Amino acid sequence: MIKLPVYDKNGKQVETLDIDEALLGDEVRPHLLKQAYVMFHANRRQGSARTRGRSGVEGSTRKLYRQKGTGNARAGASRTNIRRGGGVAFAKTKKREEFRLRMPRKMRRLANRNALLAKLVDDEVKCFTDLDFEAPRTRDLKELLDAVGINRTCLLAVHPDNRNAALSARNLPDVDSIRIRQLNAFDLLNHRFLVTDKASLQSFLDGTAFSGDGKGDE
């Protein structure tokens, strides 16, 4: 049983939240996390990388100088691949449409929860009693993060109705916000800390966070 400290907005521990490791896969599984990370990363690729061949670059087709008598090596147009600014010899011309990888739904769900377990084991989850703000204000969120010693990249996971917290994080360069039902292994592993509130974390653990519009990855 993992005992997660729960802080108030002043950074003082007020209670602990007991989390059963069995809900998150019992133990950290590096191979599963690697497979899930590669899948998420591949699925975000656009597949739009292109290079230009000789016909795609700008330049004249005129022969640079006469074939013989100059003492130089033979040379044709300026758009050949051996010249600066010329075309690429084996240009990428066709768009690859499909980079997507797939995992079974149960494996994907387990990977998302296992990534959370890895954060809990490394003491990189900061849970607060609530993250309610009267109005969006970056300074209030920055003071809250400083109170618990967050000095690296941070992922803020909150309920969809908590717009003030999400808007308060927009101007912080190392803080990204996400809806709690969209929490996934890729975003968890790409950030050092996870910041959430007790109610949101509990809804993720018991599965009630995914009973809304069905857009979560669980």
C-alpha atoms as a PDB file:
ATOM      1  CA  MET A   1       0.000   0.000   0.000  1.00  0.00           C
ATOM      2  CA  ILE A   2       1.407   3.372  -1.059  1.00  0.00           C
ATOM      3  CA  LYS A   3       0.756   6.287   1.274  1.00  0.00           C
ATOM      4  CA  LEU A   4       0.611   9.470  -0.807  1.00  0.00           C
ATOM      5  CA  PRO A   5       0.867  12.781   1.096  1.00  0.00           C
ATOM      6  CA  VAL A   6      -1.943  15.239   0.426  1.00  0.00           C
ATOM      7  CA  TYR A   7      -1.073  18.933   0.731  1.00  0.00           C
ATOM      8  CA  ASP A   8      -3.054  22.068   1.198  1.00  0.00           C
ATOM      9  CA  LYS A   9      -2.460  25.195  -0.885  1.00  0.00           C
ATOM     10  CA  ASN A  10       0.253  26.335   1.532  1.00  0.00           C
ATOM     11  CA  GLY A  11       2.306  23.209   0.883  1.00  0.00           C
ATOM     12  CA  LYS A  12       1.612  21.621   4.282  1.00  0.00           C
ATOM     13  CA  GLN A  13       0.721  17.956   4.519  1.00  0.00           C
ATOM     14  CA  VAL A  14      -2.775  17.567   5.946  1.00  0.00           C
ATOM     15  CA  GLU A  15      -3.516  13.879   5.280  1.00  0.00           C
ATOM     16  CA  THR A  16      -2.409  10.798   3.347  1.00  0.00           C
ATOM     17  CA  LEU A  17      -4.116   8.865   0.575  1.00  0.00           C
ATOM     18  CA  ASP A  18      -3.727   5.075   0.558  1.00  0.00           C
ATOM     19  CA  ILE A  19      -3.264   3.646  -2.946  1.00  0.00           C
ATOM     20  CA  ASP A  20      -3.243  -0.074  -3.633  1.00  0.00           C
ATOM     21  CA  GLU A  21      -0.440  -1.072  -6.013  1.00  0.00           C
ATOM     22  CA  ALA A  22      -2.644  -3.847  -7.383  1.00  0.00           C
ATOM     23  CA  LEU A  23      -4.797  -1.204  -9.090  1.00  0.00           C
ATOM     24  CA  LEU A  24      -1.719   0.014 -10.972  1.00  0.00           C
ATOM     25  CA  GLY A  25      -0.119  -3.280 -11.949  1.00  0.00           C
ATOM     26  CA  ASP A  26       1.602  -4.309  -8.664  1.00  0.00           C
ATOM     27  CA  GLU A  27       5.074  -3.411  -9.963  1.00  0.00           C
ATOM     28  CA  VAL A  28       6.694  -1.102 -12.496  1.00  0.00           C
ATOM     29  CA  ARG A  29       7.029  -2.815 -15.880  1.00  0.00           C
ATOM     30  CA  PRO A  30       9.714  -1.059 -17.967  1.00  0.00           C
ATOM     31  CA  HIS A  31       9.122  -3.126 -21.118  1.00  0.00           C
ATOM     32  CA  LEU A  32       5.402  -2.317 -21.137  1.00  0.00           C
ATOM     33  CA  LEU A  33       6.092   1.383 -20.574  1.00  0.00           C
ATOM     34  CA  LYS A  34       8.626   1.407 -23.410  1.00  0.00           C
ATOM     35  CA  GLN A  35       6.142  -0.232 -25.780  1.00  0.00           C
ATOM     36  CA  ALA A  36       3.406   2.235 -24.831  1.00  0.00           C
ATOM     37  CA  TYR A  37       5.759   5.227 -25.166  1.00  0.00           C
ATOM     38  CA  VAL A  38       6.855   4.166 -28.655  1.00  0.00           C
ATOM     39  CA  MET A  39       3.222   3.669 -29.674  1.00  0.00           C
ATOM     40  CA  PHE A  40       2.098   7.100 -28.464  1.00  0.00           C
ATOM     41  CA  HIS A  41       5.125   8.738 -30.080  1.00  0.00           C
ATOM     42  CA  ALA A  42       4.559   7.024 -33.427  1.00  0.00           C
ATOM     43  CA  ASN A  43       0.876   7.904 -33.445  1.00  0.00           C
ATOM     44  CA  ARG A  44       1.703  11.605 -33.179  1.00  0.00           C
ATOM     45  CA  ARG A  45       3.822  11.601 -36.345  1.00  0.00           C
ATOM     46  CA  GLN A  46       2.482  13.498 -39.329  1.00  0.00           C
ATOM     47  CA  GLY A  47       4.458  11.627 -41.976  1.00  0.00           C
ATOM     48  CA  SER A  48       4.947  14.794 -44.020  1.00  0.00           C
ATOM     49  CA  ALA A  49       8.756  14.782 -44.367  1.00  0.00           C
ATOM     50  CA  ARG A  50       9.763  15.692 -47.936  1.00  0.00           C
ATOM     51  CA  THR A  51      12.961  16.524 -49.813  1.00  0.00           C
ATOM     52  CA  ARG A  52      13.361  18.024 -53.273  1.00  0.00           C
ATOM     53  CA  GLY A  53      14.977  16.330 -56.213  1.00  0.00           C
ATOM     54  CA  ARG A  54      16.579  18.029 -59.212  1.00  0.00           C
ATOM     55  CA  SER A  55      13.221  18.924 -60.669  1.00  0.00           C
ATOM     56  CA  GLY A  56      12.026  20.504 -57.442  1.00  0.00           C
ATOM     57  CA  VAL A  57      14.789  23.038 -56.775  1.00  0.00           C
ATOM     58  CA  GLU A  58      15.075  26.394 -58.452  1.00  0.00           C
ATOM     59  CA  GLY A  59      17.837  26.942 -60.971  1.00  0.00           C
ATOM     60  CA  SER A  60      18.745  26.976 -64.652  1.00  0.00           C
ATOM     61  CA  THR A  61      19.293  23.861 -66.725  1.00  0.00           C
ATOM     62  CA  ARG A  62      22.037  25.563 -68.742  1.00  0.00           C
ATOM     63  CA  LYS A  63      25.439  23.898 -68.771  1.00  0.00           C
ATOM     64  CA  LEU A  64      27.716  25.886 -66.463  1.00  0.00           C
ATOM     65  CA  TYR A  65      30.652  26.057 -68.885  1.00  0.00           C
ATOM     66  CA  ARG A  66      31.850  24.315 -72.010  1.00  0.00           C
ATOM     67  CA  GLN A  67      32.831  20.695 -71.881  1.00  0.00           C
ATOM     68  CA  LYS A  68      36.511  20.977 -72.867  1.00  0.00           C
ATOM     69  CA  GLY A  69      39.317  23.451 -72.713  1.00  0.00           C
ATOM     70  CA  THR A  70      38.758  25.021 -69.290  1.00  0.00           C
ATOM     71  CA  GLY A  71      40.852  22.619 -67.218  1.00  0.00           C
ATOM     72  CA  ASN A  72      37.901  21.980 -64.899  1.00  0.00           C
ATOM     73  CA  ALA A  73      36.004  18.788 -64.418  1.00  0.00           C
ATOM     74  CA  ARG A  74      32.992  18.261 -66.604  1.00  0.00           C
ATOM     75  CA  ALA A  75      29.916  19.977 -65.201  1.00  0.00           C
ATOM     76  CA  GLY A  76      26.292  20.128 -66.247  1.00  0.00           C
ATOM     77  CA  ALA A  77      23.462  22.088 -64.620  1.00  0.00           C
ATOM     78  CA  SER A  78      23.674  23.745 -61.232  1.00  0.00           C
ATOM     79  CA  ARG A  79      20.804  21.668 -59.840  1.00  0.00           C
ATOM     80  CA  THR A  80      22.733  18.403 -59.582  1.00  0.00           C
ATOM     81  CA  ASN A  81      22.975  16.729 -56.214  1.00  0.00           C
ATOM     82  CA  ILE A  82      26.741  17.300 -55.869  1.00  0.00           C
ATOM     83  CA  ARG A  83      26.357  21.093 -55.818  1.00  0.00           C
ATOM     84  CA  ARG A  84      25.257  23.310 -53.010  1.00  0.00           C
ATOM     85  CA  GLY A  85      21.594  24.175 -53.405  1.00  0.00           C
ATOM     86  CA  GLY A  86      21.021  21.308 -55.789  1.00  0.00           C
ATOM     87  CA  GLY A  87      18.453  18.566 -55.503  1.00  0.00           C
ATOM     88  CA  VAL A  88      18.694  15.481 -53.325  1.00  0.00           C
ATOM     89  CA  ALA A  89      19.834  12.320 -55.091  1.00  0.00           C
ATOM     90  CA  PHE A  90      17.158  10.028 -53.638  1.00  0.00           C
ATOM     91  CA  ALA A  91      14.472  12.504 -52.677  1.00  0.00           C
ATOM     92  CA  LYS A  92      11.543  11.676 -50.412  1.00  0.00           C
ATOM     93  CA  THR A  93       8.643  12.420 -52.687  1.00  0.00           C
ATOM     94  CA  LYS A  94       5.772  10.281 -51.461  1.00  0.00           C
ATOM     95  CA  LYS A  95       3.994  10.794 -48.187  1.00  0.00           C
ATOM     96  CA  ARG A  96       3.829   7.774 -45.937  1.00  0.00           C
ATOM     97  CA  GLU A  97       0.287   7.761 -44.673  1.00  0.00           C
ATOM     98  CA  GLU A  98       0.475   5.225 -41.883  1.00  0.00           C
ATOM     99  CA  PHE A  99       2.851   5.396 -38.942  1.00  0.00           C
ATOM    100  CA  ARG A 100       0.330   4.217 -36.386  1.00  0.00           C
ATOM    101  CA  LEU A 101       1.096   1.428 -33.964  1.00  0.00           C
ATOM    102  CA  ARG A 102      -1.459  -0.417 -31.917  1.00  0.00           C
ATOM    103  CA  MET A 103      -1.683  -2.059 -28.524  1.00  0.00           C
ATOM    104  CA  PRO A 104      -4.519  -4.112 -27.071  1.00  0.00           C
ATOM    105  CA  ARG A 105      -6.838  -2.018 -24.945  1.00  0.00           C
ATOM    106  CA  LYS A 106      -5.989  -3.881 -21.745  1.00  0.00           C
ATOM    107  CA  MET A 107      -2.268  -3.360 -22.321  1.00  0.00           C
ATOM    108  CA  ARG A 108      -2.795   0.332 -22.991  1.00  0.00           C
ATOM    109  CA  ARG A 109      -4.860   0.752 -19.843  1.00  0.00           C
ATOM    110  CA  LEU A 110      -2.280  -1.112 -17.795  1.00  0.00           C
ATOM    111  CA  ALA A 111       0.542   0.994 -19.233  1.00  0.00           C
ATOM    112  CA  ASN A 112      -1.247   4.226 -18.301  1.00  0.00           C
ATOM    113  CA  ARG A 113      -1.758   3.048 -14.749  1.00  0.00           C
ATOM    114  CA  ASN A 114       1.731   1.576 -14.525  1.00  0.00           C
ATOM    115  CA  ALA A 115       3.240   4.914 -15.516  1.00  0.00           C
ATOM    116  CA  LEU A 116       1.360   6.464 -12.610  1.00  0.00           C
ATOM    117  CA  LEU A 117       2.768   3.752 -10.342  1.00  0.00           C
ATOM    118  CA  ALA A 118       6.290   4.640 -11.507  1.00  0.00           C
ATOM    119  CA  LYS A 119       5.651   8.270 -10.547  1.00  0.00           C
ATOM    120  CA  LEU A 120       4.313   7.258  -7.146  1.00  0.00           C
ATOM    121  CA  VAL A 121       7.319   5.023  -6.444  1.00  0.00           C
ATOM    122  CA  ASP A 122       9.714   7.860  -7.313  1.00  0.00           C
ATOM    123  CA  ASP A 123       7.767  10.349  -5.141  1.00  0.00           C
ATOM    124  CA  GLU A 124       6.977  12.512  -8.164  1.00  0.00           C
ATOM    125  CA  VAL A 125       3.213  12.847  -7.606  1.00  0.00           C
ATOM    126  CA  LYS A 126       2.067  15.947  -5.733  1.00  0.00           C
ATOM    127  CA  CYS A 127      -1.541  15.717  -4.598  1.00  0.00           C
ATOM    128  CA  PHE A 128      -3.511  18.628  -3.148  1.00  0.00           C
ATOM    129  CA  THR A 129      -6.787  18.719  -1.298  1.00  0.00           C
ATOM    130  CA  ASP A 130      -8.157  20.881  -4.118  1.00  0.00           C
ATOM    131  CA  LEU A 131      -6.933  23.022  -6.997  1.00  0.00           C
ATOM    132  CA  ASP A 132      -9.836  25.447  -7.114  1.00  0.00           C
ATOM    133  CA  PHE A 133      -9.035  29.059  -7.952  1.00  0.00           C
ATOM    134  CA  GLU A 134     -11.441  31.989  -7.863  1.00  0.00           C
ATOM    135  CA  ALA A 135     -10.067  33.189 -11.198  1.00  0.00           C
ATOM    136  CA  PRO A 136      -7.297  32.152 -13.613  1.00  0.00           C
ATOM    137  CA  ARG A 137      -4.055  33.529 -12.237  1.00  0.00           C
ATOM    138  CA  THR A 138      -0.576  32.275 -13.060  1.00  0.00           C
ATOM    139  CA  ARG A 139       0.995  33.634  -9.887  1.00  0.00           C
ATOM    140  CA  ASP A 140      -1.308  31.631  -7.629  1.00  0.00           C
ATOM    141  CA  LEU A 141      -0.444  28.374  -9.390  1.00  0.00           C
ATOM    142  CA  LYS A 142       3.275  29.205  -9.419  1.00  0.00           C
ATOM    143  CA  GLU A 143       3.255  29.808  -5.670  1.00  0.00           C
ATOM    144  CA  LEU A 144       1.428  26.531  -5.136  1.00  0.00           C
ATOM    145  CA  LEU A 145       4.015  24.601  -7.172  1.00  0.00           C
ATOM    146  CA  ASP A 146       6.909  26.292  -5.395  1.00  0.00           C
ATOM    147  CA  ALA A 147       5.393  25.372  -2.030  1.00  0.00           C
ATOM    148  CA  VAL A 148       5.896  21.648  -2.715  1.00  0.00           C
ATOM    149  CA  GLY A 149       9.315  22.008  -4.339  1.00  0.00           C
ATOM    150  CA  ILE A 150       8.474  21.513  -8.009  1.00  0.00           C
ATOM    151  CA  ASN A 151      11.441  22.779 -10.014  1.00  0.00           C
ATOM    152  CA  ARG A 152      11.260  20.670 -13.175  1.00  0.00           C
ATOM    153  CA  THR A 153       8.698  19.902 -15.861  1.00  0.00           C
ATOM    154  CA  CYS A 154       5.226  19.345 -14.518  1.00  0.00           C
ATOM    155  CA  LEU A 155       1.965  17.832 -15.754  1.00  0.00           C
ATOM    156  CA  LEU A 156      -1.199  19.274 -14.238  1.00  0.00           C
ATOM    157  CA  ALA A 157      -4.088  16.772 -14.336  1.00  0.00           C
ATOM    158  CA  VAL A 158      -7.466  18.155 -13.287  1.00  0.00           C
ATOM    159  CA  HIS A 159     -11.171  17.585 -13.802  1.00  0.00           C
ATOM    160  CA  PRO A 160     -12.585  19.025 -17.075  1.00  0.00           C
ATOM    161  CA  ASP A 161     -14.757  21.466 -15.101  1.00  0.00           C
ATOM    162  CA  ASN A 162     -11.715  23.024 -13.418  1.00  0.00           C
ATOM    163  CA  ARG A 163     -10.962  25.564 -16.138  1.00  0.00           C
ATOM    164  CA  ASN A 164      -9.346  28.112 -13.830  1.00  0.00           C
ATOM    165  CA  ALA A 165      -6.506  25.743 -12.919  1.00  0.00           C
ATOM    166  CA  ALA A 166      -5.912  24.797 -16.567  1.00  0.00           C
ATOM    167  CA  LEU A 167      -5.919  28.437 -17.668  1.00  0.00           C
ATOM    168  CA  SER A 168      -3.538  29.380 -14.853  1.00  0.00           C
ATOM    169  CA  ALA A 169      -0.957  26.949 -16.242  1.00  0.00           C
ATOM    170  CA  ARG A 170      -0.891  28.340 -19.782  1.00  0.00           C
ATOM    171  CA  ASN A 171       1.832  30.933 -19.171  1.00  0.00           C
ATOM    172  CA  LEU A 172       4.175  28.656 -17.210  1.00  0.00           C
ATOM    173  CA  PRO A 173       6.799  27.337 -19.657  1.00  0.00           C
ATOM    174  CA  ASP A 174       7.448  23.987 -17.939  1.00  0.00           C
ATOM    175  CA  VAL A 175       3.851  23.208 -16.971  1.00  0.00           C
ATOM    176  CA  ASP A 176       1.331  21.432 -19.208  1.00  0.00           C
ATOM    177  CA  SER A 177      -2.275  20.712 -18.310  1.00  0.00           C
ATOM    178  CA  ILE A 178      -4.386  17.699 -19.197  1.00  0.00           C
ATOM    179  CA  ARG A 179      -7.792  16.342 -18.286  1.00  0.00           C
ATOM    180  CA  ILE A 180      -7.560  13.605 -15.702  1.00  0.00           C
ATOM    181  CA  ARG A 181      -9.435  11.126 -17.926  1.00  0.00           C
ATOM    182  CA  GLN A 182      -6.846  11.665 -20.689  1.00  0.00           C
ATOM    183  CA  LEU A 183      -3.871  10.855 -18.465  1.00  0.00           C
ATOM    184  CA  ASN A 184      -1.546   8.548 -20.400  1.00  0.00           C
ATOM    185  CA  ALA A 185       1.878   6.943 -20.189  1.00  0.00           C
ATOM    186  CA  PHE A 186       3.434   9.218 -22.825  1.00  0.00           C
ATOM    187  CA  ASP A 187       2.633  12.482 -21.023  1.00  0.00           C
ATOM    188  CA  LEU A 188       3.472  11.043 -17.616  1.00  0.00           C
ATOM    189  CA  LEU A 189       6.909   9.886 -18.757  1.00  0.00           C
ATOM    190  CA  ASN A 190       7.595  13.181 -20.533  1.00  0.00           C
ATOM    191  CA  HIS A 191       7.218  15.208 -17.338  1.00  0.00           C
ATOM    192  CA  ARG A 192       9.101  14.931 -14.071  1.00  0.00           C
ATOM    193  CA  PHE A 193       6.177  15.710 -11.747  1.00  0.00           C
ATOM    194  CA  LEU A 194       2.456  15.043 -11.767  1.00  0.00           C
ATOM    195  CA  VAL A 195       0.252  17.548  -9.949  1.00  0.00           C
ATOM    196  CA  THR A 196      -3.379  16.760  -9.264  1.00  0.00           C
ATOM    197  CA  ASP A 197      -6.038  17.040  -6.602  1.00  0.00           C
ATOM    198  CA  LYS A 198      -7.383  14.289  -4.388  1.00  0.00           C
ATOM    199  CA  ALA A 199     -10.798  14.035  -6.033  1.00  0.00           C
ATOM    200  CA  SER A 200      -9.367  13.844  -9.563  1.00  0.00           C
ATOM    201  CA  LEU A 201      -6.783  11.221  -8.620  1.00  0.00           C
ATOM    202  CA  GLN A 202      -9.407   9.132  -6.844  1.00  0.00           C
ATOM    203  CA  SER A 203     -11.679   9.280  -9.891  1.00  0.00           C
ATOM    204  CA  PHE A 204      -8.805   8.038 -12.084  1.00  0.00           C
ATOM    205  CA  LEU A 205      -8.077   5.149  -9.737  1.00  0.00           C
ATOM    206  CA  ASP A 206     -11.675   3.938  -9.424  1.00  0.00           C
ATOM    207  CA  GLY A 207     -12.507   4.558 -13.101  1.00  0.00           C
ATOM    208  CA  THR A 208     -15.253   7.149 -12.643  1.00  0.00           C
ATOM    209  CA  ALA A 209     -13.208   9.757 -14.545  1.00  0.00           C
ATOM    210  CA  PHE A 210     -13.966   7.894 -17.778  1.00  0.00           C
ATOM    211  CA  SER A 211     -17.751   7.855 -17.454  1.00  0.00           C
ATOM    212  CA  GLY A 212     -18.169  11.211 -19.209  1.00  0.00           C
ATOM    213  CA  ASP A 213     -18.008  11.718 -22.954  1.00  0.00           C
ATOM    214  CA  GLY A 214     -15.849   8.656 -23.577  1.00  0.00           C
ATOM    215  CA  LYS A 215     -12.892  10.637 -24.947  1.00  0.00           C
ATOM    216  CA  GLY A 216     -10.431   9.364 -22.381  1.00  0.00           C
ATOM    217  CA  ASP A 217      -7.703   6.875 -23.209  1.00  0.00           C
ATOM    218  CA  GLU A 218      -8.616   4.483 -20.421  1.00  0.00           C
END
